[in-house]
PDB file of N, CA and C in Angstrom:
ATOM      1  N   UNK A   1     -26.623   8.857  14.135  1.00  0.00           N
ATOM      2  CA  UNK A   1     -27.431   9.822  13.251  1.00  0.00           C
ATOM      3  C   UNK A   1     -28.081  10.890  14.124  1.00  0.00           C
ATOM      4  N   UNK A   2     -27.929  12.017  13.774  1.00  0.00           N
ATOM      5  CA  UNK A   2     -28.514  13.186  14.471  1.00  0.00           C
ATOM      6  C   UNK A   2     -29.887  13.451  13.885  1.00  0.00           C
ATOM      7  N   UNK A   3     -30.914  13.669  14.842  1.00  0.00           N
ATOM      8  CA  UNK A   3     -32.181  14.061  14.508  1.00  0.00           C
ATOM      9  C   UNK A   3     -32.270  15.381  13.780  1.00  0.00           C
ATOM     10  N   UNK A   4     -33.058  15.613  12.837  1.00  0.00           N
ATOM     11  CA  UNK A   4     -32.943  16.865  12.060  1.00  0.00           C
ATOM     12  C   UNK A   4     -34.123  17.660  12.370  1.00  0.00           C
ATOM     13  N   UNK A   5     -35.108  17.159  12.670  1.00  0.00           N
ATOM     14  CA  UNK A   5     -36.380  17.893  12.961  1.00  0.00           C
ATOM     15  C   UNK A   5     -37.021  17.619  14.238  1.00  0.00           C
ATOM     16  N   UNK A   6     -37.960  18.174  14.655  1.00  0.00           N
ATOM     17  CA  UNK A   6     -38.814  17.733  15.962  1.00  0.00           C
ATOM     18  C   UNK A   6     -39.546  16.423  15.601  1.00  0.00           C
ATOM     19  N   UNK A   7     -39.704  15.984  14.487  1.00  0.00           N
ATOM     20  CA  UNK A   7     -40.227  14.764  14.144  1.00  0.00           C
ATOM     21  C   UNK A   7     -39.241  13.570  14.117  1.00  0.00           C
ATOM     22  N   UNK A   8     -38.218  13.775  14.481  1.00  0.00           N
ATOM     23  CA  UNK A   8     -36.907  12.927  14.477  1.00  0.00           C
ATOM     24  C   UNK A   8     -36.653  12.262  13.159  1.00  0.00           C
ATOM     25  N   UNK A   9     -36.540  13.102  12.143  1.00  0.00           N
ATOM     26  CA  UNK A   9     -36.192  12.505  10.821  1.00  0.00           C
ATOM     27  C   UNK A   9     -34.656  12.583  10.762  1.00  0.00           C
ATOM     28  N   UNK A  10     -34.068  11.359  10.436  1.00  0.00           N
ATOM     29  CA  UNK A  10     -32.604  11.292  10.417  1.00  0.00           C
ATOM     30  C   UNK A  10     -31.966  11.499   8.959  1.00  0.00           C
ATOM     31  N   UNK A  11     -30.711  11.705   8.793  1.00  0.00           N
ATOM     32  CA  UNK A  11     -30.275  11.712   7.486  1.00  0.00           C
ATOM     33  C   UNK A  11     -30.510  10.507   6.720  1.00  0.00           C
ATOM     34  N   UNK A  12     -30.584   9.306   7.183  1.00  0.00           N
ATOM     35  CA  UNK A  12     -31.020   8.166   6.417  1.00  0.00           C
ATOM     36  C   UNK A  12     -32.339   8.263   5.983  1.00  0.00           C
ATOM     37  N   UNK A  13     -33.250   8.776   6.973  1.00  0.00           N
ATOM     38  CA  UNK A  13     -34.673   9.041   6.351  1.00  0.00           C
ATOM     39  C   UNK A  13     -34.734   9.940   5.044  1.00  0.00           C
ATOM     40  N   UNK A  14     -33.873  11.006   5.177  1.00  0.00           N
ATOM     41  CA  UNK A  14     -33.960  12.047   4.072  1.00  0.00           C
ATOM     42  C   UNK A  14     -33.358  11.440   2.714  1.00  0.00           C
ATOM     43  N   UNK A  15     -32.226  10.622   2.769  1.00  0.00           N
ATOM     44  CA  UNK A  15     -31.702   9.964   1.734  1.00  0.00           C
ATOM     45  C   UNK A  15     -32.805   8.971   1.152  1.00  0.00           C
ATOM     46  N   UNK A  16     -33.194   8.254   1.918  1.00  0.00           N
ATOM     47  CA  UNK A  16     -34.280   7.166   1.460  1.00  0.00           C
ATOM     48  C   UNK A  16     -35.461   7.918   0.830  1.00  0.00           C
ATOM     49  N   UNK A  17     -35.928   9.130   1.372  1.00  0.00           N
ATOM     50  CA  UNK A  17     -36.999   9.912   0.850  1.00  0.00           C
ATOM     51  C   UNK A  17     -36.496  10.447  -0.405  1.00  0.00           C
ATOM     52  N   UNK A  18     -35.448  10.892  -0.678  1.00  0.00           N
ATOM     53  CA  UNK A  18     -34.932  11.338  -1.903  1.00  0.00           C
ATOM     54  C   UNK A  18     -34.867  10.251  -2.951  1.00  0.00           C
ATOM     55  N   UNK A  19     -34.507   9.129  -2.475  1.00  0.00           N
ATOM     56  CA  UNK A  19     -34.325   7.859  -3.456  1.00  0.00           C
ATOM     57  C   UNK A  19     -35.621   7.265  -3.628  1.00  0.00           C
ATOM     58  N   UNK A  20     -36.660   7.636  -3.056  1.00  0.00           N
ATOM     59  CA  UNK A  20     -38.080   7.138  -3.144  1.00  0.00           C
ATOM     60  C   UNK A  20     -38.078   5.733  -2.587  1.00  0.00           C
ATOM     61  N   UNK A  21     -37.348   5.374  -1.477  1.00  0.00           N
ATOM     62  CA  UNK A  21     -37.189   4.092  -0.936  1.00  0.00           C
ATOM     63  C   UNK A  21     -38.083   3.776   0.382  1.00  0.00           C
ATOM     64  N   UNK A  22     -38.767   4.888   0.814  1.00  0.00           N
ATOM     65  CA  UNK A  22     -39.458   4.867   2.031  1.00  0.00           C
ATOM     66  C   UNK A  22     -40.731   4.377   1.672  1.00  0.00           C
ATOM     67  N   UNK A  23     -41.469   3.615   2.620  1.00  0.00           N
ATOM     68  CA  UNK A  23     -42.787   3.059   2.635  1.00  0.00           C
ATOM     69  C   UNK A  23     -43.701   4.429   2.667  1.00  0.00           C
ATOM     70  N   UNK A  24     -44.988   4.265   2.099  1.00  0.00           N
ATOM     71  CA  UNK A  24     -45.825   5.492   2.176  1.00  0.00           C
ATOM     72  C   UNK A  24     -45.888   6.312   3.599  1.00  0.00           C
ATOM     73  N   UNK A  25     -46.172   5.410   4.519  1.00  0.00           N
ATOM     74  CA  UNK A  25     -46.362   6.228   5.822  1.00  0.00           C
ATOM     75  C   UNK A  25     -45.099   7.006   6.310  1.00  0.00           C
ATOM     76  N   UNK A  26     -43.982   6.432   5.943  1.00  0.00           N
ATOM     77  CA  UNK A  26     -42.654   7.024   6.436  1.00  0.00           C
ATOM     78  C   UNK A  26     -42.419   8.301   5.679  1.00  0.00           C
ATOM     79  N   UNK A  27     -42.780   8.154   4.308  1.00  0.00           N
ATOM     80  CA  UNK A  27     -42.556   9.258   3.302  1.00  0.00           C
ATOM     81  C   UNK A  27     -43.531  10.358   3.788  1.00  0.00           C
ATOM     82  N   UNK A  28     -44.656  10.160   4.231  1.00  0.00           N
ATOM     83  CA  UNK A  28     -45.544  11.255   4.621  1.00  0.00           C
ATOM     84  C   UNK A  28     -44.949  11.859   5.936  1.00  0.00           C
ATOM     85  N   UNK A  29     -44.427  11.005   6.843  1.00  0.00           N
ATOM     86  CA  UNK A  29     -43.792  11.699   8.010  1.00  0.00           C
ATOM     87  C   UNK A  29     -42.538  12.531   7.654  1.00  0.00           C
ATOM     88  N   UNK A  30     -41.866  12.222   6.706  1.00  0.00           N
ATOM     89  CA  UNK A  30     -40.661  13.016   6.212  1.00  0.00           C
ATOM     90  C   UNK A  30     -41.287  14.238   5.572  1.00  0.00           C
ATOM     91  N   UNK A  31     -42.235  14.087   4.643  1.00  0.00           N
ATOM     92  CA  UNK A  31     -42.855  15.250   4.033  1.00  0.00           C
ATOM     93  C   UNK A  31     -43.217  16.141   5.102  1.00  0.00           C
ATOM     94  N   UNK A  32     -43.915  15.829   6.093  1.00  0.00           N
ATOM     95  CA  UNK A  32     -44.465  16.719   7.193  1.00  0.00           C
ATOM     96  C   UNK A  32     -43.164  17.498   7.792  1.00  0.00           C
ATOM     97  N   UNK A  33     -42.201  16.680   8.119  1.00  0.00           N
ATOM     98  CA  UNK A  33     -41.017  17.126   8.828  1.00  0.00           C
ATOM     99  C   UNK A  33     -40.451  18.502   7.851  1.00  0.00           C
ATOM    100  N   UNK A  34     -40.317  18.073   6.551  1.00  0.00           N
ATOM    101  CA  UNK A  34     -39.713  19.033   5.662  1.00  0.00           C
ATOM    102  C   UNK A  34     -40.573  20.374   5.659  1.00  0.00           C
ATOM    103  N   UNK A  35     -41.881  20.243   5.761  1.00  0.00           N
ATOM    104  CA  UNK A  35     -42.870  21.297   5.693  1.00  0.00           C
ATOM    105  C   UNK A  35     -42.444  22.304   6.995  1.00  0.00           C
ATOM    106  N   UNK A  36     -42.001  21.658   8.164  1.00  0.00           N
ATOM    107  CA  UNK A  36     -41.902  22.463   9.321  1.00  0.00           C
ATOM    108  C   UNK A  36     -40.377  22.824   9.552  1.00  0.00           C
ATOM    109  N   UNK A  37     -39.488  22.233   8.769  1.00  0.00           N
ATOM    110  CA  UNK A  37     -38.078  22.271   9.322  1.00  0.00           C
ATOM    111  C   UNK A  37     -37.190  22.873   8.027  1.00  0.00           C
ATOM    112  N   UNK A  38     -36.858  24.095   8.157  1.00  0.00           N
ATOM    113  CA  UNK A  38     -36.039  24.729   7.119  1.00  0.00           C
ATOM    114  C   UNK A  38     -34.725  24.011   6.867  1.00  0.00           C
ATOM    115  N   UNK A  39     -34.152  23.606   7.898  1.00  0.00           N
ATOM    116  CA  UNK A  39     -32.763  23.023   8.018  1.00  0.00           C
ATOM    117  C   UNK A  39     -32.776  21.589   7.380  1.00  0.00           C
ATOM    118  N   UNK A  40     -33.940  20.843   7.548  1.00  0.00           N
ATOM    119  CA  UNK A  40     -34.043  19.785   6.826  1.00  0.00           C
ATOM    120  C   UNK A  40     -34.300  19.895   5.263  1.00  0.00           C
ATOM    121  N   UNK A  41     -35.053  20.881   4.983  1.00  0.00           N
ATOM    122  CA  UNK A  41     -35.309  21.384   3.622  1.00  0.00           C
ATOM    123  C   UNK A  41     -33.995  21.592   2.949  1.00  0.00           C
ATOM    124  N   UNK A  42     -33.171  22.362   3.523  1.00  0.00           N
ATOM    125  CA  UNK A  42     -31.793  22.835   2.970  1.00  0.00           C
ATOM    126  C   UNK A  42     -30.982  21.560   2.796  1.00  0.00           C
ATOM    127  N   UNK A  43     -31.076  20.602   3.780  1.00  0.00           N
ATOM    128  CA  UNK A  43     -30.294  19.360   3.565  1.00  0.00           C
ATOM    129  C   UNK A  43     -30.799  18.351   2.358  1.00  0.00           C
ATOM    130  N   UNK A  44     -32.040  18.418   2.201  1.00  0.00           N
ATOM    131  CA  UNK A  44     -32.563  17.720   1.050  1.00  0.00           C
ATOM    132  C   UNK A  44     -32.160  18.437  -0.213  1.00  0.00           C
ATOM    133  N   UNK A  45     -32.135  19.773  -0.221  1.00  0.00           N
ATOM    134  CA  UNK A  45     -31.519  20.367  -1.485  1.00  0.00           C
ATOM    135  C   UNK A  45     -30.235  20.093  -1.640  1.00  0.00           C
ATOM    136  N   UNK A  46     -29.367  20.002  -0.814  1.00  0.00           N
ATOM    137  CA  UNK A  46     -28.046  19.855  -0.883  1.00  0.00           C
ATOM    138  C   UNK A  46     -27.852  18.290  -1.404  1.00  0.00           C
ATOM    139  N   UNK A  47     -28.525  17.376  -0.732  1.00  0.00           N
ATOM    140  CA  UNK A  47     -28.553  15.954  -1.154  1.00  0.00           C
ATOM    141  C   UNK A  47     -28.906  15.851  -2.551  1.00  0.00           C
ATOM    142  N   UNK A  48     -29.899  16.480  -3.095  1.00  0.00           N
ATOM    143  CA  UNK A  48     -30.461  16.344  -4.416  1.00  0.00           C
ATOM    144  C   UNK A  48     -29.388  16.927  -5.376  1.00  0.00           C
ATOM    145  N   UNK A  49     -28.610  18.159  -5.074  1.00  0.00           N
ATOM    146  CA  UNK A  49     -27.675  18.647  -5.928  1.00  0.00           C
ATOM    147  C   UNK A  49     -26.549  17.594  -5.906  1.00  0.00           C
ATOM    148  N   UNK A  50     -26.060  17.015  -4.797  1.00  0.00           N
ATOM    149  CA  UNK A  50     -24.955  16.162  -4.898  1.00  0.00           C
ATOM    150  C   UNK A  50     -25.361  14.886  -5.724  1.00  0.00           C
ATOM    151  N   UNK A  51     -26.560  14.452  -5.632  1.00  0.00           N
ATOM    152  CA  UNK A  51     -27.140  13.316  -6.431  1.00  0.00           C
ATOM    153  C   UNK A  51     -26.935  13.714  -7.971  1.00  0.00           C
ATOM    154  N   UNK A  52     -27.372  14.843  -8.341  1.00  0.00           N
ATOM    155  CA  UNK A  52     -27.442  15.257  -9.733  1.00  0.00           C
ATOM    156  C   UNK A  52     -25.984  15.429 -10.236  1.00  0.00           C
ATOM    157  N   UNK A  53     -25.123  16.028  -9.262  1.00  0.00           N
ATOM    158  CA  UNK A  53     -23.708  16.050  -9.683  1.00  0.00           C
ATOM    159  C   UNK A  53     -23.064  14.801  -9.849  1.00  0.00           C
ATOM    160  N   UNK A  54     -23.365  13.820  -9.012  1.00  0.00           N
ATOM    161  CA  UNK A  54     -22.793  12.549  -9.164  1.00  0.00           C
ATOM    162  C   UNK A  54     -23.359  11.745 -10.487  1.00  0.00           C
ATOM    163  N   UNK A  55     -24.548  11.997 -10.792  1.00  0.00           N
ATOM    164  CA  UNK A  55     -24.997  11.463 -12.043  1.00  0.00           C
ATOM    165  C   UNK A  55     -24.376  12.011 -13.326  1.00  0.00           C
ATOM    166  N   UNK A  56     -23.998  13.298 -13.191  1.00  0.00           N
ATOM    167  CA  UNK A  56     -23.362  13.934 -14.384  1.00  0.00           C
ATOM    168  C   UNK A  56     -21.934  13.275 -14.411  1.00  0.00           C
ATOM    169  N   UNK A  57     -21.378  13.165 -13.237  1.00  0.00           N
ATOM    170  CA  UNK A  57     -20.038  12.665 -13.256  1.00  0.00           C
ATOM    171  C   UNK A  57     -19.792  11.147 -13.786  1.00  0.00           C
ATOM    172  N   UNK A  58     -20.686  10.462 -13.101  1.00  0.00           N
ATOM    173  CA  UNK A  58     -20.579   8.793 -13.169  1.00  0.00           C
ATOM    174  C   UNK A  58     -22.063   8.233 -13.853  1.00  0.00           C
ATOM    175  N   UNK A  59     -22.791   8.955 -14.361  1.00  0.00           N
ATOM    176  CA  UNK A  59     -23.983   8.396 -14.892  1.00  0.00           C
ATOM    177  C   UNK A  59     -23.769   7.181 -15.951  1.00  0.00           C
ATOM    178  N   UNK A  60     -22.782   7.374 -16.739  1.00  0.00           N
ATOM    179  CA  UNK A  60     -22.635   6.381 -17.686  1.00  0.00           C
ATOM    180  C   UNK A  60     -22.143   5.105 -17.176  1.00  0.00           C
ATOM    181  N   UNK A  61     -21.566   5.025 -15.872  1.00  0.00           N
ATOM    182  CA  UNK A  61     -21.028   3.859 -15.352  1.00  0.00           C
ATOM    183  C   UNK A  61     -22.178   3.043 -14.966  1.00  0.00           C
ATOM    184  N   UNK A  62     -23.416   3.742 -14.528  1.00  0.00           N
ATOM    185  CA  UNK A  62     -24.530   2.938 -14.121  1.00  0.00           C
ATOM    186  C   UNK A  62     -25.024   2.102 -15.193  1.00  0.00           C
ATOM    187  N   UNK A  63     -24.778   2.516 -16.500  1.00  0.00           N
ATOM    188  CA  UNK A  63     -25.263   1.546 -17.621  1.00  0.00           C
ATOM    189  C   UNK A  63     -24.459   0.491 -17.976  1.00  0.00           C
ATOM    190  N   UNK A  64     -23.237   0.475 -17.350  1.00  0.00           N
ATOM    191  CA  UNK A  64     -22.305  -0.592 -17.704  1.00  0.00           C
ATOM    192  C   UNK A  64     -22.673  -1.954 -16.922  1.00  0.00           C
ATOM    193  N   UNK A  65     -22.347  -3.036 -17.616  1.00  0.00           N
ATOM    194  CA  UNK A  65     -22.659  -4.380 -16.700  1.00  0.00           C
ATOM    195  C   UNK A  65     -21.740  -4.572 -15.504  1.00  0.00           C
ATOM    196  N   UNK A  66     -22.284  -5.348 -14.641  1.00  0.00           N
ATOM    197  CA  UNK A  66     -21.342  -5.620 -13.523  1.00  0.00           C
ATOM    198  C   UNK A  66     -20.372  -6.664 -13.899  1.00  0.00           C
ATOM    199  N   UNK A  67     -19.117  -6.418 -13.519  1.00  0.00           N
ATOM    200  CA  UNK A  67     -18.056  -7.364 -13.973  1.00  0.00           C
ATOM    201  C   UNK A  67     -18.461  -8.754 -13.396  1.00  0.00           C
ATOM    202  N   UNK A  68     -18.169  -9.870 -14.236  1.00  0.00           N
ATOM    203  CA  UNK A  68     -18.584 -11.212 -13.766  1.00  0.00           C
ATOM    204  C   UNK A  68     -17.915 -11.541 -12.351  1.00  0.00           C
ATOM    205  N   UNK A  69     -16.478 -11.177 -12.217  1.00  0.00           N
ATOM    206  CA  UNK A  69     -15.914 -11.670 -11.015  1.00  0.00           C
ATOM    207  C   UNK A  69     -16.642 -10.999  -9.707  1.00  0.00           C
ATOM    208  N   UNK A  70     -17.054  -9.694  -9.894  1.00  0.00           N
ATOM    209  CA  UNK A  70     -17.708  -8.934  -8.906  1.00  0.00           C
ATOM    210  C   UNK A  70     -19.176  -9.586  -8.474  1.00  0.00           C
ATOM    211  N   UNK A  71     -19.924  -9.973  -9.604  1.00  0.00           N
ATOM    212  CA  UNK A  71     -21.199 -10.525  -9.573  1.00  0.00           C
ATOM    213  C   UNK A  71     -21.034 -11.940  -8.686  1.00  0.00           C
ATOM    214  N   UNK A  72     -20.036 -12.554  -9.060  1.00  0.00           N
ATOM    215  CA  UNK A  72     -19.717 -13.782  -8.482  1.00  0.00           C
ATOM    216  C   UNK A  72     -19.341 -13.767  -6.647  1.00  0.00           C
ATOM    217  N   UNK A  73     -18.659 -12.603  -6.593  1.00  0.00           N
ATOM    218  CA  UNK A  73     -18.390 -12.391  -5.261  1.00  0.00           C
ATOM    219  C   UNK A  73     -19.432 -12.015  -4.311  1.00  0.00           C
ATOM    220  N   UNK A  74     -20.538 -11.280  -4.901  1.00  0.00           N
ATOM    221  CA  UNK A  74     -21.615 -10.949  -4.404  1.00  0.00           C
ATOM    222  C   UNK A  74     -22.500 -12.102  -4.177  1.00  0.00           C
ATOM    223  N   UNK A  75     -22.688 -12.979  -5.157  1.00  0.00           N
ATOM    224  CA  UNK A  75     -23.462 -14.204  -4.978  1.00  0.00           C
ATOM    225  C   UNK A  75     -22.799 -15.150  -3.884  1.00  0.00           C
ATOM    226  N   UNK A  76     -21.648 -15.285  -3.908  1.00  0.00           N
ATOM    227  CA  UNK A  76     -20.960 -16.184  -2.799  1.00  0.00           C
ATOM    228  C   UNK A  76     -21.115 -15.528  -1.412  1.00  0.00           C
ATOM    229  N   UNK A  77     -21.018 -14.262  -1.266  1.00  0.00           N
ATOM    230  CA  UNK A  77     -21.355 -13.611   0.076  1.00  0.00           C
ATOM    231  C   UNK A  77     -22.633 -13.838   0.392  1.00  0.00           C
ATOM    232  N   UNK A  78     -23.636 -13.625  -0.406  1.00  0.00           N
ATOM    233  CA  UNK A  78     -25.075 -13.811  -0.077  1.00  0.00           C
ATOM    234  C   UNK A  78     -25.369 -15.229   0.325  1.00  0.00           C
ATOM    235  N   UNK A  79     -24.764 -16.264  -0.417  1.00  0.00           N
ATOM    236  CA  UNK A  79     -24.872 -17.826   0.024  1.00  0.00           C
ATOM    237  C   UNK A  79     -24.290 -17.881   1.303  1.00  0.00           C
ATOM    238  N   UNK A  80     -23.222 -17.476   1.566  1.00  0.00           N
ATOM    239  CA  UNK A  80     -22.555 -17.449   3.013  1.00  0.00           C
ATOM    240  C   UNK A  80     -23.361 -16.976   4.033  1.00  0.00           C
ATOM    241  N   UNK A  81     -23.991 -15.708   3.753  1.00  0.00           N
ATOM    242  CA  UNK A  81     -24.759 -15.179   4.734  1.00  0.00           C
ATOM    243  C   UNK A  81     -26.063 -15.881   5.098  1.00  0.00           C
ATOM    244  N   UNK A  82     -26.692 -16.440   3.846  1.00  0.00           N
ATOM    245  CA  UNK A  82     -27.802 -17.246   4.165  1.00  0.00           C
ATOM    246  C   UNK A  82     -27.548 -18.540   4.878  1.00  0.00           C
ATOM    247  N   UNK A  83     -26.277 -19.253   4.725  1.00  0.00           N
ATOM    248  CA  UNK A  83     -25.927 -20.348   5.431  1.00  0.00           C
ATOM    249  C   UNK A  83     -25.755 -19.972   6.975  1.00  0.00           C
ATOM    250  N   UNK A  84     -25.285 -18.847   7.252  1.00  0.00           N
ATOM    251  CA  UNK A  84     -25.180 -18.353   8.693  1.00  0.00           C
ATOM    252  C   UNK A  84     -26.375 -17.906   9.301  1.00  0.00           C
ATOM    253  N   UNK A  85     -27.551 -17.900   8.635  1.00  0.00           N
ATOM    254  CA  UNK A  85     -28.908 -17.567   9.241  1.00  0.00           C
ATOM    255  C   UNK A  85     -29.570 -18.717   9.571  1.00  0.00           C
ATOM    256  N   UNK A  86     -29.196 -19.951   9.057  1.00  0.00           N
ATOM    257  CA  UNK A  86     -29.886 -21.142   9.418  1.00  0.00           C
ATOM    258  C   UNK A  86     -29.687 -21.639  10.561  1.00  0.00           C
TER     259      UNK A  86
END
């Protein structure tokens, strides 16, 4: 991951910021970086447009239930991972 600003904000940081998944301190750091870095602001704008476009195209899929077979596979994988951590 390439650093985008002098404050070392990564693409992952920007995506998490957009998705409101950052802890408050990290969100503040990204916010400060965006104030200083035009390139980072441009990337955020592009990511937000992409997010909106994807929601237009596939938003209805988000409301569909997860297929039972897929849910079972995820549950099995989580159990296997938990066993491996013990």
